[in-house]
């Protein structure tokens, strides 16, 4: 199962706030914070950007997600496996 972890990166003196998405296989992308969205949808935009950037043939339309342990992002997973 592949997981995608997202993280909020606060603004610096040079760049605005961003969201970084990283897959378990170490693929990553960083996007500008999409202010038109809120909550988990902000982070899902980074997931979509990761899939597009790396031309991954992943169906992300039914991903499950939960908050990260550090409170700075989310973890998105494919819902193939159930407990």
PDB file of N, CA and C in Angstrom:
ATOM      1  N   UNK A   1       0.844  -1.172   0.000  1.00  0.00           N
ATOM      2  CA  UNK A   1       0.000   0.000   0.000  1.00  0.00           C
ATOM      3  C   UNK A   1       0.896   1.245   0.000  1.00  0.00           C
ATOM      4  N   UNK A   2       0.549   2.184  -0.797  1.00  0.00           N
ATOM      5  CA  UNK A   2       1.294   3.440  -0.907  1.00  0.00           C
ATOM      6  C   UNK A   2       0.585   4.518  -0.082  1.00  0.00           C
ATOM      7  N   UNK A   3       1.327   5.232   0.723  1.00  0.00           N
ATOM      8  CA  UNK A   3       0.785   6.351   1.485  1.00  0.00           C
ATOM      9  C   UNK A   3       1.438   7.633   0.989  1.00  0.00           C
ATOM     10  N   UNK A   4       0.687   8.714   1.067  1.00  0.00           N
ATOM     11  CA  UNK A   4       1.213  10.031   0.710  1.00  0.00           C
ATOM     12  C   UNK A   4       1.044  10.922   1.933  1.00  0.00           C
ATOM     13  N   UNK A   5       2.136  11.486   2.381  1.00  0.00           N
ATOM     14  CA  UNK A   5       2.149  12.339   3.560  1.00  0.00           C
ATOM     15  C   UNK A   5       2.258  13.797   3.109  1.00  0.00           C
ATOM     16  N   UNK A   6       1.448  14.659   3.699  1.00  0.00           N
ATOM     17  CA  UNK A   6       1.511  16.079   3.372  1.00  0.00           C
ATOM     18  C   UNK A   6       1.920  16.863   4.608  1.00  0.00           C
ATOM     19  N   UNK A   7       2.473  18.053   4.353  1.00  0.00           N
ATOM     20  CA  UNK A   7       2.959  18.873   5.451  1.00  0.00           C
ATOM     21  C   UNK A   7       2.825  20.342   5.082  1.00  0.00           C
ATOM     22  N   UNK A   8       2.352  21.135   6.018  1.00  0.00           N
ATOM     23  CA  UNK A   8       2.277  22.582   5.846  1.00  0.00           C
ATOM     24  C   UNK A   8       3.651  23.175   6.107  1.00  0.00           C
ATOM     25  N   UNK A   9       4.107  24.050   5.200  1.00  0.00           N
ATOM     26  CA  UNK A   9       5.375  24.753   5.371  1.00  0.00           C
ATOM     27  C   UNK A   9       5.045  26.241   5.481  1.00  0.00           C
ATOM     28  N   UNK A  10       5.339  26.856   6.629  1.00  0.00           N
ATOM     29  CA  UNK A  10       4.984  28.274   6.801  1.00  0.00           C
ATOM     30  C   UNK A  10       5.792  29.185   5.878  1.00  0.00           C
ATOM     31  N   UNK A  11       5.282  30.380   5.691  1.00  0.00           N
ATOM     32  CA  UNK A  11       5.953  31.381   4.845  1.00  0.00           C
ATOM     33  C   UNK A  11       7.298  31.761   5.443  1.00  0.00           C
ATOM     34  N   UNK A  12       8.213  32.110   4.555  1.00  0.00           N
ATOM     35  CA  UNK A  12       9.520  32.617   4.971  1.00  0.00           C
ATOM     36  C   UNK A  12       9.655  34.043   4.440  1.00  0.00           C
ATOM     37  N   UNK A  13      10.823  34.627   4.576  1.00  0.00           N
ATOM     38  CA  UNK A  13      11.059  35.967   4.033  1.00  0.00           C
ATOM     39  C   UNK A  13      11.073  35.976   2.518  1.00  0.00           C
ATOM     40  N   UNK A  14      11.266  34.801   1.914  1.00  0.00           N
ATOM     41  CA  UNK A  14      11.411  34.702   0.464  1.00  0.00           C
ATOM     42  C   UNK A  14      10.200  34.064  -0.216  1.00  0.00           C
ATOM     43  N   UNK A  15       9.621  33.042   0.424  1.00  0.00           N
ATOM     44  CA  UNK A  15       8.519  32.293  -0.192  1.00  0.00           C
ATOM     45  C   UNK A  15       7.277  32.338   0.686  1.00  0.00           C
ATOM     46  N   UNK A  16       6.120  32.245   0.021  1.00  0.00           N
ATOM     47  CA  UNK A  16       4.857  32.162   0.749  1.00  0.00           C
ATOM     48  C   UNK A  16       4.672  30.781   1.344  1.00  0.00           C
ATOM     49  N   UNK A  17       3.585  30.590   2.069  1.00  0.00           N
ATOM     50  CA  UNK A  17       3.322  29.285   2.665  1.00  0.00           C
ATOM     51  C   UNK A  17       3.075  28.249   1.574  1.00  0.00           C
ATOM     52  N   UNK A  18       3.417  26.998   1.887  1.00  0.00           N
ATOM     53  CA  UNK A  18       3.358  25.920   0.907  1.00  0.00           C
ATOM     54  C   UNK A  18       2.871  24.636   1.549  1.00  0.00           C
ATOM     55  N   UNK A  19       2.555  23.681   0.701  1.00  0.00           N
ATOM     56  CA  UNK A  19       2.215  22.330   1.128  1.00  0.00           C
ATOM     57  C   UNK A  19       3.147  21.374   0.380  1.00  0.00           C
ATOM     58  N   UNK A  20       3.765  20.468   1.126  1.00  0.00           N
ATOM     59  CA  UNK A  20       4.639  19.466   0.507  1.00  0.00           C
ATOM     60  C   UNK A  20       3.984  18.099   0.643  1.00  0.00           C
ATOM     61  N   UNK A  21       3.963  17.348  -0.440  1.00  0.00           N
ATOM     62  CA  UNK A  21       3.455  15.973  -0.449  1.00  0.00           C
ATOM     63  C   UNK A  21       4.612  15.040  -0.780  1.00  0.00           C
ATOM     64  N   UNK A  22       4.748  13.969  -0.002  1.00  0.00           N
ATOM     65  CA  UNK A  22       5.810  12.988  -0.212  1.00  0.00           C
ATOM     66  C   UNK A  22       5.201  11.593  -0.137  1.00  0.00           C
ATOM     67  N   UNK A  23       5.532  10.763  -1.123  1.00  0.00           N
ATOM     68  CA  UNK A  23       5.040   9.379  -1.120  1.00  0.00           C
ATOM     69  C   UNK A  23       6.009   8.501  -0.344  1.00  0.00           C
ATOM     70  N   UNK A  24       5.555   7.303   0.002  1.00  0.00           N
ATOM     71  CA  UNK A  24       6.437   6.342   0.672  1.00  0.00           C
ATOM     72  C   UNK A  24       7.638   5.984  -0.186  1.00  0.00           C
ATOM     73  N   UNK A  25       7.489   6.105  -1.498  1.00  0.00           N
ATOM     74  CA  UNK A  25       8.600   5.799  -2.406  1.00  0.00           C
ATOM     75  C   UNK A  25       9.488   7.020  -2.647  1.00  0.00           C
ATOM     76  N   UNK A  26       9.325   8.055  -1.823  1.00  0.00           N
ATOM     77  CA  UNK A  26      10.178   9.249  -1.797  1.00  0.00           C
ATOM     78  C   UNK A  26       9.973  10.200  -2.969  1.00  0.00           C
ATOM     79  N   UNK A  27       8.873  10.064  -3.709  1.00  0.00           N
ATOM     80  CA  UNK A  27       8.530  11.069  -4.711  1.00  0.00           C
ATOM     81  C   UNK A  27       7.942  12.247  -3.955  1.00  0.00           C
ATOM     82  N   UNK A  28       8.211  13.467  -4.418  1.00  0.00           N
ATOM     83  CA  UNK A  28       7.661  14.614  -3.700  1.00  0.00           C
ATOM     84  C   UNK A  28       7.368  15.775  -4.640  1.00  0.00           C
ATOM     85  N   UNK A  29       6.549  16.679  -4.133  1.00  0.00           N
ATOM     86  CA  UNK A  29       6.217  17.914  -4.819  1.00  0.00           C
ATOM     87  C   UNK A  29       5.862  18.939  -3.745  1.00  0.00           C
ATOM     88  N   UNK A  30       6.164  20.197  -4.012  1.00  0.00           N
ATOM     89  CA  UNK A  30       5.782  21.292  -3.123  1.00  0.00           C
ATOM     90  C   UNK A  30       4.983  22.286  -3.940  1.00  0.00           C
ATOM     91  N   UNK A  31       3.815  22.675  -3.410  1.00  0.00           N
ATOM     92  CA  UNK A  31       2.950  23.629  -4.114  1.00  0.00           C
ATOM     93  C   UNK A  31       2.726  24.854  -3.241  1.00  0.00           C
ATOM     94  N   UNK A  32       2.402  25.959  -3.878  1.00  0.00           N
ATOM     95  CA  UNK A  32       1.984  27.143  -3.137  1.00  0.00           C
ATOM     96  C   UNK A  32       0.672  26.829  -2.434  1.00  0.00           C
ATOM     97  N   UNK A  33       0.481  27.425  -1.276  1.00  0.00           N
ATOM     98  CA  UNK A  33      -0.736  27.176  -0.505  1.00  0.00           C
ATOM     99  C   UNK A  33      -1.949  27.607  -1.316  1.00  0.00           C
ATOM    100  N   UNK A  34      -2.871  26.685  -1.614  1.00  0.00           N
ATOM    101  CA  UNK A  34      -4.056  27.035  -2.407  1.00  0.00           C
ATOM    102  C   UNK A  34      -5.151  27.638  -1.510  1.00  0.00           C
ATOM    103  N   UNK A  35      -5.182  28.948  -1.402  1.00  0.00           N
ATOM    104  CA  UNK A  35      -6.085  29.640  -0.479  1.00  0.00           C
ATOM    105  C   UNK A  35      -7.560  29.465  -0.817  1.00  0.00           C
ATOM    106  N   UNK A  36      -7.867  28.996  -2.018  1.00  0.00           N
ATOM    107  CA  UNK A  36      -9.268  28.805  -2.386  1.00  0.00           C
ATOM    108  C   UNK A  36      -9.876  27.561  -1.731  1.00  0.00           C
ATOM    109  N   UNK A  37      -9.056  26.746  -1.077  1.00  0.00           N
ATOM    110  CA  UNK A  37      -9.518  25.541  -0.397  1.00  0.00           C
ATOM    111  C   UNK A  37      -9.262  25.674   1.101  1.00  0.00           C
ATOM    112  N   UNK A  38      -9.842  24.764   1.875  1.00  0.00           N
ATOM    113  CA  UNK A  38      -9.576  24.758   3.308  1.00  0.00           C
ATOM    114  C   UNK A  38      -9.459  23.323   3.804  1.00  0.00           C
ATOM    115  N   UNK A  39      -8.908  23.171   4.992  1.00  0.00           N
ATOM    116  CA  UNK A  39      -8.783  21.862   5.629  1.00  0.00           C
ATOM    117  C   UNK A  39      -8.016  20.850   4.805  1.00  0.00           C
ATOM    118  N   UNK A  40      -8.540  19.634   4.782  1.00  0.00           N
ATOM    119  CA  UNK A  40      -7.844  18.543   4.084  1.00  0.00           C
ATOM    120  C   UNK A  40      -7.790  18.764   2.578  1.00  0.00           C
ATOM    121  N   UNK A  41      -8.702  19.574   2.025  1.00  0.00           N
ATOM    122  CA  UNK A  41      -8.692  19.809   0.575  1.00  0.00           C
ATOM    123  C   UNK A  41      -7.445  20.573   0.129  1.00  0.00           C
ATOM    124  N   UNK A  42      -6.907  21.409   0.998  1.00  0.00           N
ATOM    125  CA  UNK A  42      -5.638  22.097   0.707  1.00  0.00           C
ATOM    126  C   UNK A  42      -4.552  21.047   0.483  1.00  0.00           C
ATOM    127  N   UNK A  43      -4.515  20.064   1.351  1.00  0.00           N
ATOM    128  CA  UNK A  43      -3.491  19.025   1.277  1.00  0.00           C
ATOM    129  C   UNK A  43      -3.747  18.061   0.123  1.00  0.00           C
ATOM    130  N   UNK A  44      -5.025  17.823  -0.185  1.00  0.00           N
ATOM    131  CA  UNK A  44      -5.343  16.952  -1.313  1.00  0.00           C
ATOM    132  C   UNK A  44      -4.893  17.573  -2.636  1.00  0.00           C
ATOM    133  N   UNK A  45      -4.864  18.902  -2.724  1.00  0.00           N
ATOM    134  CA  UNK A  45      -4.329  19.556  -3.923  1.00  0.00           C
ATOM    135  C   UNK A  45      -2.866  19.186  -4.126  1.00  0.00           C
ATOM    136  N   UNK A  46      -2.112  19.062  -3.042  1.00  0.00           N
ATOM    137  CA  UNK A  46      -0.711  18.645  -3.141  1.00  0.00           C
ATOM    138  C   UNK A  46      -0.609  17.190  -3.591  1.00  0.00           C
ATOM    139  N   UNK A  47      -1.527  16.353  -3.121  1.00  0.00           N
ATOM    140  CA  UNK A  47      -1.561  14.950  -3.572  1.00  0.00           C
ATOM    141  C   UNK A  47      -1.796  14.899  -5.082  1.00  0.00           C
ATOM    142  N   UNK A  48      -2.763  15.671  -5.552  1.00  0.00           N
ATOM    143  CA  UNK A  48      -3.052  15.707  -6.995  1.00  0.00           C
ATOM    144  C   UNK A  48      -1.839  16.205  -7.778  1.00  0.00           C
ATOM    145  N   UNK A  49      -1.137  17.196  -7.247  1.00  0.00           N
ATOM    146  CA  UNK A  49       0.056  17.724  -7.921  1.00  0.00           C
ATOM    147  C   UNK A  49       1.169  16.683  -7.972  1.00  0.00           C
ATOM    148  N   UNK A  50       1.309  15.893  -6.913  1.00  0.00           N
ATOM    149  CA  UNK A  50       2.322  14.829  -6.882  1.00  0.00           C
ATOM    150  C   UNK A  50       2.048  13.806  -7.972  1.00  0.00           C
ATOM    151  N   UNK A  51       0.801  13.373  -8.082  1.00  0.00           N
ATOM    152  CA  UNK A  51       0.421  12.382  -9.094  1.00  0.00           C
ATOM    153  C   UNK A  51       0.648  12.940 -10.496  1.00  0.00           C
ATOM    154  N   UNK A  52       0.299  14.204 -10.713  1.00  0.00           N
ATOM    155  CA  UNK A  52       0.477  14.824 -12.036  1.00  0.00           C
ATOM    156  C   UNK A  52       1.959  15.005 -12.376  1.00  0.00           C
ATOM    157  N   UNK A  53       2.742  15.515 -11.426  1.00  0.00           N
ATOM    158  CA  UNK A  53       4.168  15.776 -11.682  1.00  0.00           C
ATOM    159  C   UNK A  53       4.914  14.510 -12.079  1.00  0.00           C
ATOM    160  N   UNK A  54       4.625  13.428 -11.387  1.00  0.00           N
ATOM    161  CA  UNK A  54       5.368  12.187 -11.624  1.00  0.00           C
ATOM    162  C   UNK A  54       4.645  11.234 -12.580  1.00  0.00           C
ATOM    163  N   UNK A  55       3.551  11.734 -13.200  1.00  0.00           N
ATOM    164  CA  UNK A  55       2.796  10.963 -14.191  1.00  0.00           C
ATOM    165  C   UNK A  55       2.435   9.570 -13.669  1.00  0.00           C
ATOM    166  N   UNK A  56       1.926   9.537 -12.449  1.00  0.00           N
ATOM    167  CA  UNK A  56       1.557   8.275 -11.814  1.00  0.00           C
ATOM    168  C   UNK A  56       0.153   7.869 -12.261  1.00  0.00           C
ATOM    169  N   UNK A  57      -0.021   6.629 -12.529  1.00  0.00           N
ATOM    170  CA  UNK A  57      -1.319   6.104 -12.954  1.00  0.00           C
ATOM    171  C   UNK A  57      -2.071   5.591 -11.726  1.00  0.00           C
ATOM    172  N   UNK A  58      -2.356   6.502 -10.793  1.00  0.00           N
ATOM    173  CA  UNK A  58      -3.029   6.162  -9.550  1.00  0.00           C
ATOM    174  C   UNK A  58      -4.426   6.768  -9.561  1.00  0.00           C
ATOM    175  N   UNK A  59      -5.416   5.987  -9.182  1.00  0.00           N
ATOM    176  CA  UNK A  59      -6.774   6.497  -9.017  1.00  0.00           C
ATOM    177  C   UNK A  59      -6.900   7.028  -7.591  1.00  0.00           C
ATOM    178  N   UNK A  60      -6.815   8.335  -7.441  1.00  0.00           N
ATOM    179  CA  UNK A  60      -6.853   8.956  -6.118  1.00  0.00           C
ATOM    180  C   UNK A  60      -8.252   9.441  -5.740  1.00  0.00           C
ATOM    181  N   UNK A  61      -9.245   9.081  -6.528  1.00  0.00           N
ATOM    182  CA  UNK A  61     -10.597   9.599  -6.320  1.00  0.00           C
ATOM    183  C   UNK A  61     -11.258   9.100  -5.032  1.00  0.00           C
ATOM    184  N   UNK A  62     -10.822   7.989  -4.496  1.00  0.00           N
ATOM    185  CA  UNK A  62     -11.439   7.443  -3.283  1.00  0.00           C
ATOM    186  C   UNK A  62     -10.428   7.207  -2.171  1.00  0.00           C
ATOM    187  N   UNK A  63      -9.462   8.104  -2.041  1.00  0.00           N
ATOM    188  CA  UNK A  63      -8.456   7.936  -1.000  1.00  0.00           C
ATOM    189  C   UNK A  63      -9.065   8.222   0.368  1.00  0.00           C
ATOM    190  N   UNK A  64      -8.522   7.567   1.371  1.00  0.00           N
ATOM    191  CA  UNK A  64      -8.869   7.847   2.763  1.00  0.00           C
ATOM    192  C   UNK A  64      -7.757   8.728   3.336  1.00  0.00           C
ATOM    193  N   UNK A  65      -8.071   9.480   4.376  1.00  0.00           N
ATOM    194  CA  UNK A  65      -7.051  10.341   4.956  1.00  0.00           C
ATOM    195  C   UNK A  65      -7.261  10.469   6.458  1.00  0.00           C
ATOM    196  N   UNK A  66      -6.208  10.886   7.113  1.00  0.00           N
ATOM    197  CA  UNK A  66      -6.265  11.162   8.543  1.00  0.00           C
ATOM    198  C   UNK A  66      -5.186  12.164   8.885  1.00  0.00           C
ATOM    199  N   UNK A  67      -5.334  12.807  10.016  1.00  0.00           N
ATOM    200  CA  UNK A  67      -4.350  13.794  10.452  1.00  0.00           C
ATOM    201  C   UNK A  67      -3.023  13.148  10.785  1.00  0.00           C
ATOM    202  N   UNK A  68      -1.954  13.900  10.594  1.00  0.00           N
ATOM    203  CA  UNK A  68      -0.628  13.382  10.916  1.00  0.00           C
ATOM    204  C   UNK A  68      -0.367  13.517  12.411  1.00  0.00           C
ATOM    205  N   UNK A  69       0.564  12.735  12.911  1.00  0.00           N
ATOM    206  CA  UNK A  69       0.845  12.739  14.345  1.00  0.00           C
ATOM    207  C   UNK A  69       1.453  14.060  14.818  1.00  0.00           C
ATOM    208  N   UNK A  70       2.117  14.785  13.921  1.00  0.00           N
ATOM    209  CA  UNK A  70       2.706  16.065  14.318  1.00  0.00           C
ATOM    210  C   UNK A  70       1.728  17.230  14.182  1.00  0.00           C
ATOM    211  N   UNK A  71       0.545  16.961  13.635  1.00  0.00           N
ATOM    212  CA  UNK A  71      -0.474  17.999  13.497  1.00  0.00           C
ATOM    213  C   UNK A  71      -0.217  19.007  12.397  1.00  0.00           C
ATOM    214  N   UNK A  72       0.769  18.746  11.535  1.00  0.00           N
ATOM    215  CA  UNK A  72       1.134  19.692  10.475  1.00  0.00           C
ATOM    216  C   UNK A  72       0.645  19.294   9.098  1.00  0.00           C
ATOM    217  N   UNK A  73      -0.075  18.171   9.002  1.00  0.00           N
ATOM    218  CA  UNK A  73      -0.516  17.723   7.690  1.00  0.00           C
ATOM    219  C   UNK A  73      -1.448  16.534   7.798  1.00  0.00           C
ATOM    220  N   UNK A  74      -1.471  15.768   6.722  1.00  0.00           N
ATOM    221  CA  UNK A  74      -2.356  14.608   6.628  1.00  0.00           C
ATOM    222  C   UNK A  74      -1.592  13.457   5.989  1.00  0.00           C
ATOM    223  N   UNK A  75      -2.123  12.259   6.184  1.00  0.00           N
ATOM    224  CA  UNK A  75      -1.647  11.086   5.474  1.00  0.00           C
ATOM    225  C   UNK A  75      -2.813  10.552   4.660  1.00  0.00           C
ATOM    226  N   UNK A  76      -2.590  10.393   3.361  1.00  0.00           N
ATOM    227  CA  UNK A  76      -3.599   9.884   2.441  1.00  0.00           C
ATOM    228  C   UNK A  76      -3.192   8.473   2.041  1.00  0.00           C
ATOM    229  N   UNK A  77      -4.160   7.558   2.053  1.00  0.00           N
ATOM    230  CA  UNK A  77      -3.879   6.165   1.687  1.00  0.00           C
ATOM    231  C   UNK A  77      -4.983   5.659   0.768  1.00  0.00           C
ATOM    232  N   UNK A  78      -4.662   4.625   0.035  1.00  0.00           N
ATOM    233  CA  UNK A  78      -5.651   3.950  -0.797  1.00  0.00           C
ATOM    234  C   UNK A  78      -6.416   2.991   0.108  1.00  0.00           C
ATOM    235  N   UNK A  79      -7.702   2.950  -0.025  1.00  0.00           N
ATOM    236  CA  UNK A  79      -8.566   2.180   0.887  1.00  0.00           C
ATOM    237  C   UNK A  79      -8.729   0.738   0.449  1.00  0.00           C
ATOM    238  N   UNK A  80      -7.680   0.114  -0.060  1.00  0.00           N
ATOM    239  CA  UNK A  80      -7.746  -1.262  -0.522  1.00  0.00           C
ATOM    240  C   UNK A  80      -7.812  -2.244   0.636  1.00  0.00           C
ATOM    241  N   UNK A  81      -7.122  -1.926   1.721  1.00  0.00           N
ATOM    242  CA  UNK A  81      -7.051  -2.831   2.854  1.00  0.00           C
ATOM    243  C   UNK A  81      -7.951  -2.337   3.968  1.00  0.00           C
ATOM    244  N   UNK A  82      -8.652  -3.249   4.580  1.00  0.00           N
ATOM    245  CA  UNK A  82      -9.541  -2.917   5.693  1.00  0.00           C
ATOM    246  C   UNK A  82      -9.126  -3.756   6.901  1.00  0.00           C
ATOM    247  N   UNK A  83      -9.341  -3.210   8.080  1.00  0.00           N
ATOM    248  CA  UNK A  83      -9.026  -3.923   9.328  1.00  0.00           C
ATOM    249  C   UNK A  83     -10.171  -4.858   9.640  1.00  0.00           C
TER     250      UNK A  83
END
